[in-house]
């Protein structure tokens, strides 16, 4: 995963307010992994997006 390039192509800024403990965990994970905080957030969001394509209406709705 560390060898994968994140945030390639055109970038756009997103400002969000999230729980303090989540921010602190990302800071620790960044320090321990050597990955930037931005890369960790992008990885997490891409995984969430892949698991929830229904939110994008990219798959037929399930019952």
PDB file of N, CA and C in Angstrom:
ATOM      1  N   UNK A   1       0.825  -1.181   0.000  1.00  0.00           N
ATOM      2  CA  UNK A   1       0.000   0.000   0.000  1.00  0.00           C
ATOM      3  C   UNK A   1       0.876   1.254   0.000  1.00  0.00           C
ATOM      4  N   UNK A   2       2.010   1.225   0.670  1.00  0.00           N
ATOM      5  CA  UNK A   2       2.858   2.415   0.731  1.00  0.00           C
ATOM      6  C   UNK A   2       3.423   2.779  -0.633  1.00  0.00           C
ATOM      7  N   UNK A   3       3.557   1.789  -1.509  1.00  0.00           N
ATOM      8  CA  UNK A   3       4.108   2.070  -2.820  1.00  0.00           C
ATOM      9  C   UNK A   3       3.067   2.651  -3.776  1.00  0.00           C
ATOM     10  N   UNK A   4       1.788   2.545  -3.431  1.00  0.00           N
ATOM     11  CA  UNK A   4       0.744   3.106  -4.284  1.00  0.00           C
ATOM     12  C   UNK A   4       0.743   4.619  -4.180  1.00  0.00           C
ATOM     13  N   UNK A   5       0.496   5.250  -5.297  1.00  0.00           N
ATOM     14  CA  UNK A   5       0.421   6.710  -5.325  1.00  0.00           C
ATOM     15  C   UNK A   5      -1.028   7.135  -5.131  1.00  0.00           C
ATOM     16  N   UNK A   6      -1.248   8.020  -4.188  1.00  0.00           N
ATOM     17  CA  UNK A   6      -2.579   8.554  -3.920  1.00  0.00           C
ATOM     18  C   UNK A   6      -2.629   9.996  -4.399  1.00  0.00           C
ATOM     19  N   UNK A   7      -3.810  10.519  -4.535  1.00  0.00           N
ATOM     20  CA  UNK A   7      -4.003  11.922  -4.895  1.00  0.00           C
ATOM     21  C   UNK A   7      -3.335  12.284  -6.208  1.00  0.00           C
ATOM     22  N   UNK A   8      -3.502  11.441  -7.204  1.00  0.00           N
ATOM     23  CA  UNK A   8      -2.967  11.744  -8.523  1.00  0.00           C
ATOM     24  C   UNK A   8      -4.041  12.466  -9.334  1.00  0.00           C
ATOM     25  N   UNK A   9      -3.604  13.266 -10.280  1.00  0.00           N
ATOM     26  CA  UNK A   9      -4.553  13.987 -11.121  1.00  0.00           C
ATOM     27  C   UNK A   9      -4.939  15.307 -10.475  1.00  0.00           C
ATOM     28  N   UNK A  10      -6.025  15.864 -10.956  1.00  0.00           N
ATOM     29  CA  UNK A  10      -6.486  17.148 -10.446  1.00  0.00           C
ATOM     30  C   UNK A  10      -6.956  17.002  -9.003  1.00  0.00           C
ATOM     31  N   UNK A  11      -6.545  17.921  -8.162  1.00  0.00           N
ATOM     32  CA  UNK A  11      -6.922  17.885  -6.752  1.00  0.00           C
ATOM     33  C   UNK A  11      -7.928  18.990  -6.457  1.00  0.00           C
ATOM     34  N   UNK A  12      -8.777  18.722  -5.491  1.00  0.00           N
ATOM     35  CA  UNK A  12      -9.762  19.690  -5.030  1.00  0.00           C
ATOM     36  C   UNK A  12      -9.800  19.606  -3.512  1.00  0.00           C
ATOM     37  N   UNK A  13      -9.848  20.742  -2.860  1.00  0.00           N
ATOM     38  CA  UNK A  13      -9.815  20.762  -1.405  1.00  0.00           C
ATOM     39  C   UNK A  13     -11.195  20.476  -0.831  1.00  0.00           C
ATOM     40  N   UNK A  14     -11.211  19.732   0.281  1.00  0.00           N
ATOM     41  CA  UNK A  14     -12.427  19.412   1.011  1.00  0.00           C
ATOM     42  C   UNK A  14     -12.168  19.715   2.476  1.00  0.00           C
ATOM     43  N   UNK A  15     -12.991  20.556   3.061  1.00  0.00           N
ATOM     44  CA  UNK A  15     -12.845  20.892   4.472  1.00  0.00           C
ATOM     45  C   UNK A  15     -14.016  20.276   5.227  1.00  0.00           C
ATOM     46  N   UNK A  16     -13.690  19.489   6.243  1.00  0.00           N
ATOM     47  CA  UNK A  16     -14.728  18.837   7.040  1.00  0.00           C
ATOM     48  C   UNK A  16     -14.379  18.945   8.521  1.00  0.00           C
ATOM     49  N   UNK A  17     -15.385  18.864   9.346  1.00  0.00           N
ATOM     50  CA  UNK A  17     -15.178  18.786  10.790  1.00  0.00           C
ATOM     51  C   UNK A  17     -15.500  17.368  11.211  1.00  0.00           C
ATOM     52  N   UNK A  18     -14.511  16.728  11.836  1.00  0.00           N
ATOM     53  CA  UNK A  18     -14.717  15.364  12.307  1.00  0.00           C
ATOM     54  C   UNK A  18     -14.273  15.264  13.760  1.00  0.00           C
ATOM     55  N   UNK A  19     -14.676  14.184  14.382  1.00  0.00           N
ATOM     56  CA  UNK A  19     -14.406  14.001  15.804  1.00  0.00           C
ATOM     57  C   UNK A  19     -12.903  14.073  16.099  1.00  0.00           C
ATOM     58  N   UNK A  20     -12.587  14.686  17.208  1.00  0.00           N
ATOM     59  CA  UNK A  20     -11.204  14.899  17.617  1.00  0.00           C
ATOM     60  C   UNK A  20     -10.418  13.598  17.685  1.00  0.00           C
ATOM     61  N   UNK A  21     -11.035  12.543  18.211  1.00  0.00           N
ATOM     62  CA  UNK A  21     -10.300  11.282  18.351  1.00  0.00           C
ATOM     63  C   UNK A  21      -9.964  10.670  16.993  1.00  0.00           C
ATOM     64  N   UNK A  22     -10.792  10.918  15.993  1.00  0.00           N
ATOM     65  CA  UNK A  22     -10.502  10.424  14.644  1.00  0.00           C
ATOM     66  C   UNK A  22      -9.304  11.174  14.072  1.00  0.00           C
ATOM     67  N   UNK A  23      -9.274  12.490  14.249  1.00  0.00           N
ATOM     68  CA  UNK A  23      -8.148  13.300  13.782  1.00  0.00           C
ATOM     69  C   UNK A  23      -6.859  12.856  14.467  1.00  0.00           C
ATOM     70  N   UNK A  24      -6.927  12.645  15.763  1.00  0.00           N
ATOM     71  CA  UNK A  24      -5.741  12.227  16.506  1.00  0.00           C
ATOM     72  C   UNK A  24      -5.260  10.855  16.052  1.00  0.00           C
ATOM     73  N   UNK A  25      -6.192   9.954  15.748  1.00  0.00           N
ATOM     74  CA  UNK A  25      -5.817   8.632  15.257  1.00  0.00           C
ATOM     75  C   UNK A  25      -5.132   8.737  13.896  1.00  0.00           C
ATOM     76  N   UNK A  26      -5.643   9.608  13.022  1.00  0.00           N
ATOM     77  CA  UNK A  26      -5.023   9.800  11.706  1.00  0.00           C
ATOM     78  C   UNK A  26      -3.617  10.365  11.856  1.00  0.00           C
ATOM     79  N   UNK A  27      -3.429  11.282  12.786  1.00  0.00           N
ATOM     80  CA  UNK A  27      -2.104  11.847  13.040  1.00  0.00           C
ATOM     81  C   UNK A  27      -1.122  10.756  13.485  1.00  0.00           C
ATOM     82  N   UNK A  28      -1.564   9.886  14.388  1.00  0.00           N
ATOM     83  CA  UNK A  28      -0.713   8.797  14.882  1.00  0.00           C
ATOM     84  C   UNK A  28      -0.426   7.802  13.764  1.00  0.00           C
ATOM     85  N   UNK A  29      -1.460   7.451  13.001  1.00  0.00           N
ATOM     86  CA  UNK A  29      -1.289   6.497  11.907  1.00  0.00           C
ATOM     87  C   UNK A  29      -0.327   7.049  10.857  1.00  0.00           C
ATOM     88  N   UNK A  30      -0.402   8.330  10.598  1.00  0.00           N
ATOM     89  CA  UNK A  30       0.488   8.972   9.628  1.00  0.00           C
ATOM     90  C   UNK A  30       1.937   8.886  10.105  1.00  0.00           C
ATOM     91  N   UNK A  31       2.137   9.219  11.358  1.00  0.00           N
ATOM     92  CA  UNK A  31       3.489   9.181  11.928  1.00  0.00           C
ATOM     93  C   UNK A  31       4.059   7.767  11.911  1.00  0.00           C
ATOM     94  N   UNK A  32       3.244   6.783  12.282  1.00  0.00           N
ATOM     95  CA  UNK A  32       3.718   5.404  12.364  1.00  0.00           C
ATOM     96  C   UNK A  32       3.900   4.743  11.004  1.00  0.00           C
ATOM     97  N   UNK A  33       3.107   5.153  10.022  1.00  0.00           N
ATOM     98  CA  UNK A  33       3.152   4.492   8.713  1.00  0.00           C
ATOM     99  C   UNK A  33       4.071   5.186   7.714  1.00  0.00           C
ATOM    100  N   UNK A  34       4.339   6.465   7.940  1.00  0.00           N
ATOM    101  CA  UNK A  34       5.111   7.224   6.963  1.00  0.00           C
ATOM    102  C   UNK A  34       4.262   7.749   5.818  1.00  0.00           C
ATOM    103  N   UNK A  35       2.967   7.470   5.849  1.00  0.00           N
ATOM    104  CA  UNK A  35       2.039   7.994   4.846  1.00  0.00           C
ATOM    105  C   UNK A  35       1.524   9.349   5.318  1.00  0.00           C
ATOM    106  N   UNK A  36       1.254  10.228   4.376  1.00  0.00           N
ATOM    107  CA  UNK A  36       0.722  11.531   4.762  1.00  0.00           C
ATOM    108  C   UNK A  36      -0.717  11.377   5.266  1.00  0.00           C
ATOM    109  N   UNK A  37      -1.164  12.351   6.033  1.00  0.00           N
ATOM    110  CA  UNK A  37      -2.542  12.333   6.503  1.00  0.00           C
ATOM    111  C   UNK A  37      -3.501  12.367   5.319  1.00  0.00           C
ATOM    112  N   UNK A  38      -3.173  13.146   4.297  1.00  0.00           N
ATOM    113  CA  UNK A  38      -4.026  13.222   3.106  1.00  0.00           C
ATOM    114  C   UNK A  38      -4.139  11.853   2.437  1.00  0.00           C
ATOM    115  N   UNK A  39      -3.014  11.135   2.326  1.00  0.00           N
ATOM    116  CA  UNK A  39      -3.055   9.811   1.705  1.00  0.00           C
ATOM    117  C   UNK A  39      -3.905   8.845   2.522  1.00  0.00           C
ATOM    118  N   UNK A  40      -3.777   8.883   3.834  1.00  0.00           N
ATOM    119  CA  UNK A  40      -4.587   8.000   4.677  1.00  0.00           C
ATOM    120  C   UNK A  40      -6.079   8.290   4.509  1.00  0.00           C
ATOM    121  N   UNK A  41      -6.429   9.556   4.455  1.00  0.00           N
ATOM    122  CA  UNK A  41      -7.841   9.927   4.290  1.00  0.00           C
ATOM    123  C   UNK A  41      -8.348   9.487   2.923  1.00  0.00           C
ATOM    124  N   UNK A  42      -7.543   9.690   1.886  1.00  0.00           N
ATOM    125  CA  UNK A  42      -7.951   9.279   0.537  1.00  0.00           C
ATOM    126  C   UNK A  42      -8.137   7.769   0.471  1.00  0.00           C
ATOM    127  N   UNK A  43      -7.221   7.018   1.053  1.00  0.00           N
ATOM    128  CA  UNK A  43      -7.336   5.558   1.072  1.00  0.00           C
ATOM    129  C   UNK A  43      -8.641   5.145   1.751  1.00  0.00           C
ATOM    130  N   UNK A  44      -8.921   5.732   2.908  1.00  0.00           N
ATOM    131  CA  UNK A  44     -10.135   5.386   3.646  1.00  0.00           C
ATOM    132  C   UNK A  44     -11.388   5.745   2.852  1.00  0.00           C
ATOM    133  N   UNK A  45     -11.400   6.916   2.243  1.00  0.00           N
ATOM    134  CA  UNK A  45     -12.575   7.338   1.485  1.00  0.00           C
ATOM    135  C   UNK A  45     -12.768   6.506   0.228  1.00  0.00           C
ATOM    136  N   UNK A  46     -11.684   6.135  -0.437  1.00  0.00           N
ATOM    137  CA  UNK A  46     -11.812   5.283  -1.618  1.00  0.00           C
ATOM    138  C   UNK A  46     -12.356   3.908  -1.239  1.00  0.00           C
ATOM    139  N   UNK A  47     -11.922   3.380  -0.115  1.00  0.00           N
ATOM    140  CA  UNK A  47     -12.447   2.086   0.348  1.00  0.00           C
ATOM    141  C   UNK A  47     -13.925   2.202   0.709  1.00  0.00           C
ATOM    142  N   UNK A  48     -14.295   3.293   1.362  1.00  0.00           N
ATOM    143  CA  UNK A  48     -15.703   3.511   1.700  1.00  0.00           C
ATOM    144  C   UNK A  48     -16.532   3.629   0.419  1.00  0.00           C
ATOM    145  N   UNK A  49     -16.042   4.400  -0.542  1.00  0.00           N
ATOM    146  CA  UNK A  49     -16.759   4.573  -1.809  1.00  0.00           C
ATOM    147  C   UNK A  49     -16.936   3.232  -2.507  1.00  0.00           C
ATOM    148  N   UNK A  50     -15.902   2.399  -2.530  1.00  0.00           N
ATOM    149  CA  UNK A  50     -15.984   1.097  -3.180  1.00  0.00           C
ATOM    150  C   UNK A  50     -17.019   0.197  -2.506  1.00  0.00           C
ATOM    151  N   UNK A  51     -17.180   0.348  -1.202  1.00  0.00           N
ATOM    152  CA  UNK A  51     -18.141  -0.470  -0.453  1.00  0.00           C
ATOM    153  C   UNK A  51     -19.560   0.069  -0.521  1.00  0.00           C
ATOM    154  N   UNK A  52     -19.714   1.300  -0.957  1.00  0.00           N
ATOM    155  CA  UNK A  52     -21.036   1.940  -0.943  1.00  0.00           C
ATOM    156  C   UNK A  52     -21.355   2.595  -2.283  1.00  0.00           C
ATOM    157  N   UNK A  53     -21.148   1.847  -3.357  1.00  0.00           N
ATOM    158  CA  UNK A  53     -21.459   2.384  -4.677  1.00  0.00           C
ATOM    159  C   UNK A  53     -22.933   2.742  -4.815  1.00  0.00           C
ATOM    160  N   UNK A  54     -23.769   2.127  -3.965  1.00  0.00           N
ATOM    161  CA  UNK A  54     -25.195   2.464  -4.014  1.00  0.00           C
ATOM    162  C   UNK A  54     -25.424   3.938  -3.667  1.00  0.00           C
ATOM    163  N   UNK A  55     -24.550   4.533  -2.881  1.00  0.00           N
ATOM    164  CA  UNK A  55     -24.672   5.961  -2.563  1.00  0.00           C
ATOM    165  C   UNK A  55     -24.446   6.814  -3.801  1.00  0.00           C
ATOM    166  N   UNK A  56     -23.689   6.282  -4.763  1.00  0.00           N
ATOM    167  CA  UNK A  56     -23.443   6.985  -6.018  1.00  0.00           C
ATOM    168  C   UNK A  56     -24.488   6.619  -7.075  1.00  0.00           C
ATOM    169  N   UNK A  57     -25.385   5.734  -6.693  1.00  0.00           N
ATOM    170  CA  UNK A  57     -26.378   5.192  -7.614  1.00  0.00           C
ATOM    171  C   UNK A  57     -25.700   4.535  -8.817  1.00  0.00           C
ATOM    172  N   UNK A  58     -24.553   3.910  -8.546  1.00  0.00           N
ATOM    173  CA  UNK A  58     -23.794   3.233  -9.587  1.00  0.00           C
ATOM    174  C   UNK A  58     -24.182   1.770  -9.707  1.00  0.00           C
ATOM    175  N   UNK A  59     -24.975   1.278  -8.765  1.00  0.00           N
ATOM    176  CA  UNK A  59     -25.441  -0.110  -8.808  1.00  0.00           C
ATOM    177  C   UNK A  59     -26.946  -0.111  -8.591  1.00  0.00           C
ATOM    178  N   UNK A  60     -27.613  -1.165  -9.044  1.00  0.00           N
ATOM    179  CA  UNK A  60     -29.058  -1.245  -8.803  1.00  0.00           C
ATOM    180  C   UNK A  60     -29.343  -1.314  -7.313  1.00  0.00           C
ATOM    181  N   UNK A  61     -30.416  -0.683  -6.856  1.00  0.00           N
ATOM    182  CA  UNK A  61     -30.747  -0.737  -5.424  1.00  0.00           C
ATOM    183  C   UNK A  61     -31.076  -2.166  -4.999  1.00  0.00           C
ATOM    184  N   UNK A  62     -30.729  -2.471  -3.768  1.00  0.00           N
ATOM    185  CA  UNK A  62     -31.040  -3.796  -3.220  1.00  0.00           C
ATOM    186  C   UNK A  62     -32.255  -3.686  -2.317  1.00  0.00           C
ATOM    187  N   UNK A  63     -32.886  -4.796  -2.121  1.00  0.00           N
ATOM    188  CA  UNK A  63     -34.089  -4.802  -1.264  1.00  0.00           C
ATOM    189  C   UNK A  63     -33.771  -5.225   0.128  1.00  0.00           C
TER     190      UNK A  63
END
